[in-house]
């Protein structure tokens, strides 16, 4: 068990189309997942009050920078947090990808989020290829980014 990834709760989304959403970003722009079809996408559910979210924030920024040339898009969906706290967090951690507000929690419900952080990897075809529950390591993040960026 030491060399394997920690066990992950199963997700009915694996191998299925990622649920579409249309959410407002912290900067006021609107992001629709369907509009990103053809690009690899990482969707991270997070909150400013979440200690593991702080741990993985630099890794998400790094993966976005390292895979940008392959068209990779990172989206951070704010989970049960205020826009003000989310903006502060994103400035503090120099996050350069959209922080998306999910005010009614509908997107989190559609993805089956039951604890944060949770990270979903979506291939160019819109299919969910991997889900990580809990803080993600660079090893897993870069491995799965490589898979969806091919």
C-alpha atoms as a PDB file:
ATOM      1  CA  UNK A   1       0.000   0.000   0.000  1.00  0.00           C
ATOM      2  CA  UNK A   2       2.910   2.441   0.454  1.00  0.00           C
ATOM      3  CA  UNK A   3       3.697   2.793  -3.266  1.00  0.00           C
ATOM      4  CA  UNK A   4       0.076   2.961  -4.424  1.00  0.00           C
ATOM      5  CA  UNK A   5      -2.145   5.998  -4.524  1.00  0.00           C
ATOM      6  CA  UNK A   6      -4.433   6.258  -1.496  1.00  0.00           C
ATOM      7  CA  UNK A   7      -7.782   4.571  -2.092  1.00  0.00           C
ATOM      8  CA  UNK A   8     -10.287   6.852  -3.752  1.00  0.00           C
ATOM      9  CA  UNK A   9     -14.046   6.686  -3.311  1.00  0.00           C
ATOM     10  CA  UNK A  10     -15.656   5.493  -6.537  1.00  0.00           C
ATOM     11  CA  UNK A  11     -17.312   8.072  -8.748  1.00  0.00           C
ATOM     12  CA  UNK A  12     -20.178   7.329 -11.128  1.00  0.00           C
ATOM     13  CA  UNK A  13     -18.766  10.102 -13.349  1.00  0.00           C
ATOM     14  CA  UNK A  14     -15.652   8.166 -14.353  1.00  0.00           C
ATOM     15  CA  UNK A  15     -15.900   7.343 -18.036  1.00  0.00           C
ATOM     16  CA  UNK A  16     -18.965   9.582 -18.377  1.00  0.00           C
ATOM     17  CA  UNK A  17     -19.446  13.062 -19.845  1.00  0.00           C
ATOM     18  CA  UNK A  18     -18.603  15.772 -17.318  1.00  0.00           C
ATOM     19  CA  UNK A  19     -21.760  17.563 -16.164  1.00  0.00           C
ATOM     20  CA  UNK A  20     -21.971  20.894 -17.944  1.00  0.00           C
ATOM     21  CA  UNK A  21     -22.146  24.119 -15.991  1.00  0.00           C
ATOM     22  CA  UNK A  22     -22.308  27.834 -16.603  1.00  0.00           C
ATOM     23  CA  UNK A  23     -20.805  29.736 -13.674  1.00  0.00           C
ATOM     24  CA  UNK A  24     -19.751  33.303 -12.994  1.00  0.00           C
ATOM     25  CA  UNK A  25     -16.085  33.808 -12.241  1.00  0.00           C
ATOM     26  CA  UNK A  26     -14.786  36.054  -9.474  1.00  0.00           C
ATOM     27  CA  UNK A  27     -13.844  38.633 -12.125  1.00  0.00           C
ATOM     28  CA  UNK A  28     -17.445  38.717 -13.452  1.00  0.00           C
ATOM     29  CA  UNK A  29     -16.809  36.709 -16.616  1.00  0.00           C
ATOM     30  CA  UNK A  30     -18.911  33.623 -17.348  1.00  0.00           C
ATOM     31  CA  UNK A  31     -17.404  30.179 -17.936  1.00  0.00           C
ATOM     32  CA  UNK A  32     -19.339  27.350 -19.557  1.00  0.00           C
ATOM     33  CA  UNK A  33     -17.749  23.914 -19.541  1.00  0.00           C
ATOM     34  CA  UNK A  34     -19.289  23.015 -22.912  1.00  0.00           C
ATOM     35  CA  UNK A  35     -17.381  25.937 -24.430  1.00  0.00           C
ATOM     36  CA  UNK A  36     -14.107  24.252 -23.480  1.00  0.00           C
ATOM     37  CA  UNK A  37     -14.794  21.032 -25.418  1.00  0.00           C
ATOM     38  CA  UNK A  38     -11.639  20.040 -27.285  1.00  0.00           C
ATOM     39  CA  UNK A  39      -9.408  21.192 -24.450  1.00  0.00           C
ATOM     40  CA  UNK A  40      -8.259  19.201 -21.413  1.00  0.00           C
ATOM     41  CA  UNK A  41      -9.815  20.553 -18.219  1.00  0.00           C
ATOM     42  CA  UNK A  42      -9.033  20.167 -14.520  1.00  0.00           C
ATOM     43  CA  UNK A  43     -11.928  21.108 -12.231  1.00  0.00           C
ATOM     44  CA  UNK A  44     -10.965  21.659  -8.604  1.00  0.00           C
ATOM     45  CA  UNK A  45     -13.606  22.188  -5.897  1.00  0.00           C
ATOM     46  CA  UNK A  46     -12.076  24.221  -3.054  1.00  0.00           C
ATOM     47  CA  UNK A  47     -12.630  26.815  -0.324  1.00  0.00           C
ATOM     48  CA  UNK A  48     -10.484  29.369   1.468  1.00  0.00           C
ATOM     49  CA  UNK A  49     -11.203  27.721   4.842  1.00  0.00           C
ATOM     50  CA  UNK A  50      -9.879  24.323   3.684  1.00  0.00           C
ATOM     51  CA  UNK A  51      -6.289  23.553   4.869  1.00  0.00           C
ATOM     52  CA  UNK A  52      -5.611  20.882   2.186  1.00  0.00           C
ATOM     53  CA  UNK A  53      -6.768  23.399  -0.443  1.00  0.00           C
ATOM     54  CA  UNK A  54      -3.918  25.669   0.662  1.00  0.00           C
ATOM     55  CA  UNK A  55      -1.453  22.786   0.279  1.00  0.00           C
ATOM     56  CA  UNK A  56      -2.484  22.024  -3.289  1.00  0.00           C
ATOM     57  CA  UNK A  57      -2.923  25.628  -4.498  1.00  0.00           C
ATOM     58  CA  UNK A  58       0.707  26.010  -5.669  1.00  0.00           C
ATOM     59  CA  UNK A  59       0.486  22.679  -7.500  1.00  0.00           C
ATOM     60  CA  UNK A  60      -2.617  23.736  -9.419  1.00  0.00           C
ATOM     61  CA  UNK A  61      -0.914  26.967 -10.457  1.00  0.00           C
ATOM     62  CA  UNK A  62       2.157  24.976 -11.547  1.00  0.00           C
ATOM     63  CA  UNK A  63       0.201  22.441 -13.620  1.00  0.00           C
ATOM     64  CA  UNK A  64      -1.652  25.249 -15.363  1.00  0.00           C
ATOM     65  CA  UNK A  65       1.648  26.903 -16.283  1.00  0.00           C
ATOM     66  CA  UNK A  66       3.389  23.693 -17.357  1.00  0.00           C
ATOM     67  CA  UNK A  67       0.524  22.396 -19.534  1.00  0.00           C
ATOM     68  CA  UNK A  68      -0.787  25.706 -20.893  1.00  0.00           C
ATOM     69  CA  UNK A  69       0.873  25.089 -24.282  1.00  0.00           C
ATOM     70  CA  UNK A  70      -1.187  21.895 -24.608  1.00  0.00           C
ATOM     71  CA  UNK A  71      -4.400  23.843 -24.087  1.00  0.00           C
ATOM     72  CA  UNK A  72      -4.957  22.735 -20.485  1.00  0.00           C
ATOM     73  CA  UNK A  73      -7.562  24.736 -18.580  1.00  0.00           C
ATOM     74  CA  UNK A  74      -7.764  24.741 -14.783  1.00  0.00           C
ATOM     75  CA  UNK A  75     -11.040  25.814 -13.187  1.00  0.00           C
ATOM     76  CA  UNK A  76     -11.490  26.349  -9.460  1.00  0.00           C
ATOM     77  CA  UNK A  77     -15.081  25.983  -8.266  1.00  0.00           C
ATOM     78  CA  UNK A  78     -15.609  27.780  -4.951  1.00  0.00           C
ATOM     79  CA  UNK A  79     -17.358  25.464  -2.483  1.00  0.00           C
ATOM     80  CA  UNK A  80     -19.484  26.954   0.326  1.00  0.00           C
ATOM     81  CA  UNK A  81     -17.379  30.094   0.637  1.00  0.00           C
ATOM     82  CA  UNK A  82     -17.827  33.807   0.033  1.00  0.00           C
ATOM     83  CA  UNK A  83     -16.608  35.593  -3.065  1.00  0.00           C
ATOM     84  CA  UNK A  84     -14.568  37.956  -0.875  1.00  0.00           C
ATOM     85  CA  UNK A  85     -12.742  35.101   0.883  1.00  0.00           C
ATOM     86  CA  UNK A  86     -12.206  33.308  -2.427  1.00  0.00           C
ATOM     87  CA  UNK A  87     -10.712  36.429  -4.048  1.00  0.00           C
ATOM     88  CA  UNK A  88      -8.341  36.894  -1.106  1.00  0.00           C
ATOM     89  CA  UNK A  89      -7.257  33.247  -1.298  1.00  0.00           C
ATOM     90  CA  UNK A  90      -6.644  33.419  -5.046  1.00  0.00           C
ATOM     91  CA  UNK A  91      -4.567  36.596  -4.684  1.00  0.00           C
ATOM     92  CA  UNK A  92      -2.613  35.116  -1.771  1.00  0.00           C
ATOM     93  CA  UNK A  93      -1.753  31.974  -3.745  1.00  0.00           C
ATOM     94  CA  UNK A  94      -1.309  33.812  -7.064  1.00  0.00           C
ATOM     95  CA  UNK A  95      -3.931  31.635  -8.760  1.00  0.00           C
ATOM     96  CA  UNK A  96      -4.240  32.697 -12.395  1.00  0.00           C
ATOM     97  CA  UNK A  97      -7.122  30.488 -13.437  1.00  0.00           C
ATOM     98  CA  UNK A  98     -10.818  31.305 -12.994  1.00  0.00           C
ATOM     99  CA  UNK A  99     -12.356  30.981  -9.566  1.00  0.00           C
ATOM    100  CA  UNK A 100     -15.990  30.090 -10.262  1.00  0.00           C
ATOM    101  CA  UNK A 101     -18.868  30.815  -7.911  1.00  0.00           C
ATOM    102  CA  UNK A 102     -21.384  28.023  -7.302  1.00  0.00           C
ATOM    103  CA  UNK A 103     -23.832  29.969  -5.104  1.00  0.00           C
ATOM    104  CA  UNK A 104     -26.551  27.339  -4.891  1.00  0.00           C
ATOM    105  CA  UNK A 105     -24.127  24.388  -4.808  1.00  0.00           C
ATOM    106  CA  UNK A 106     -25.781  22.828  -7.874  1.00  0.00           C
ATOM    107  CA  UNK A 107     -22.480  22.152  -9.639  1.00  0.00           C
ATOM    108  CA  UNK A 108     -21.031  20.483  -6.551  1.00  0.00           C
ATOM    109  CA  UNK A 109     -24.147  18.299  -6.318  1.00  0.00           C
ATOM    110  CA  UNK A 110     -23.930  17.403 -10.029  1.00  0.00           C
ATOM    111  CA  UNK A 111     -20.339  16.265  -9.503  1.00  0.00           C
ATOM    112  CA  UNK A 112     -21.153  14.371  -6.321  1.00  0.00           C
ATOM    113  CA  UNK A 113     -18.769  16.425  -4.188  1.00  0.00           C
ATOM    114  CA  UNK A 114     -18.894  15.256  -0.591  1.00  0.00           C
ATOM    115  CA  UNK A 115     -15.705  16.803   0.753  1.00  0.00           C
ATOM    116  CA  UNK A 116     -13.104  19.199  -0.464  1.00  0.00           C
ATOM    117  CA  UNK A 117     -10.773  19.433  -2.106  1.00  0.00           C
ATOM    118  CA  UNK A 118     -11.965  17.269  -4.972  1.00  0.00           C
ATOM    119  CA  UNK A 119     -10.389  17.389  -8.393  1.00  0.00           C
ATOM    120  CA  UNK A 120     -11.828  16.079 -11.669  1.00  0.00           C
ATOM    121  CA  UNK A 121      -9.886  15.526 -14.880  1.00  0.00           C
ATOM    122  CA  UNK A 122     -11.812  15.911 -18.122  1.00  0.00           C
ATOM    123  CA  UNK A 123     -10.361  14.844 -21.473  1.00  0.00           C
ATOM    124  CA  UNK A 124     -10.638  16.778 -24.716  1.00  0.00           C
ATOM    125  CA  UNK A 125     -13.720  14.674 -25.504  1.00  0.00           C
ATOM    126  CA  UNK A 126     -15.520  15.907 -22.362  1.00  0.00           C
ATOM    127  CA  UNK A 127     -15.232  12.570 -20.541  1.00  0.00           C
ATOM    128  CA  UNK A 128     -14.191  12.412 -16.873  1.00  0.00           C
ATOM    129  CA  UNK A 129     -11.020  10.316 -16.703  1.00  0.00           C
ATOM    130  CA  UNK A 130     -10.033  10.608 -13.047  1.00  0.00           C
ATOM    131  CA  UNK A 131     -11.245  11.971  -9.722  1.00  0.00           C
ATOM    132  CA  UNK A 132      -9.073  12.804  -6.730  1.00  0.00           C
ATOM    133  CA  UNK A 133     -10.665  13.183  -3.305  1.00  0.00           C
ATOM    134  CA  UNK A 134      -8.527  15.114  -0.844  1.00  0.00           C
ATOM    135  CA  UNK A 135      -5.366  17.086  -1.510  1.00  0.00           C
ATOM    136  CA  UNK A 136      -3.628  16.078  -4.702  1.00  0.00           C
ATOM    137  CA  UNK A 137       0.085  15.362  -4.996  1.00  0.00           C
ATOM    138  CA  UNK A 138       2.243  16.659  -7.833  1.00  0.00           C
ATOM    139  CA  UNK A 139       2.801  13.047  -8.935  1.00  0.00           C
ATOM    140  CA  UNK A 140      -0.919  12.407  -9.447  1.00  0.00           C
ATOM    141  CA  UNK A 141      -1.672  15.886 -10.778  1.00  0.00           C
ATOM    142  CA  UNK A 142       1.054  15.796 -13.430  1.00  0.00           C
ATOM    143  CA  UNK A 143       0.315  12.164 -14.357  1.00  0.00           C
ATOM    144  CA  UNK A 144      -3.380  12.855 -14.933  1.00  0.00           C
ATOM    145  CA  UNK A 145      -2.694  16.190 -16.665  1.00  0.00           C
ATOM    146  CA  UNK A 146      -0.445  14.255 -19.054  1.00  0.00           C
ATOM    147  CA  UNK A 147      -3.228  11.744 -19.748  1.00  0.00           C
ATOM    148  CA  UNK A 148      -5.866  14.353 -20.598  1.00  0.00           C
ATOM    149  CA  UNK A 149      -3.438  16.580 -22.516  1.00  0.00           C
ATOM    150  CA  UNK A 150      -2.479  13.959 -25.100  1.00  0.00           C
END
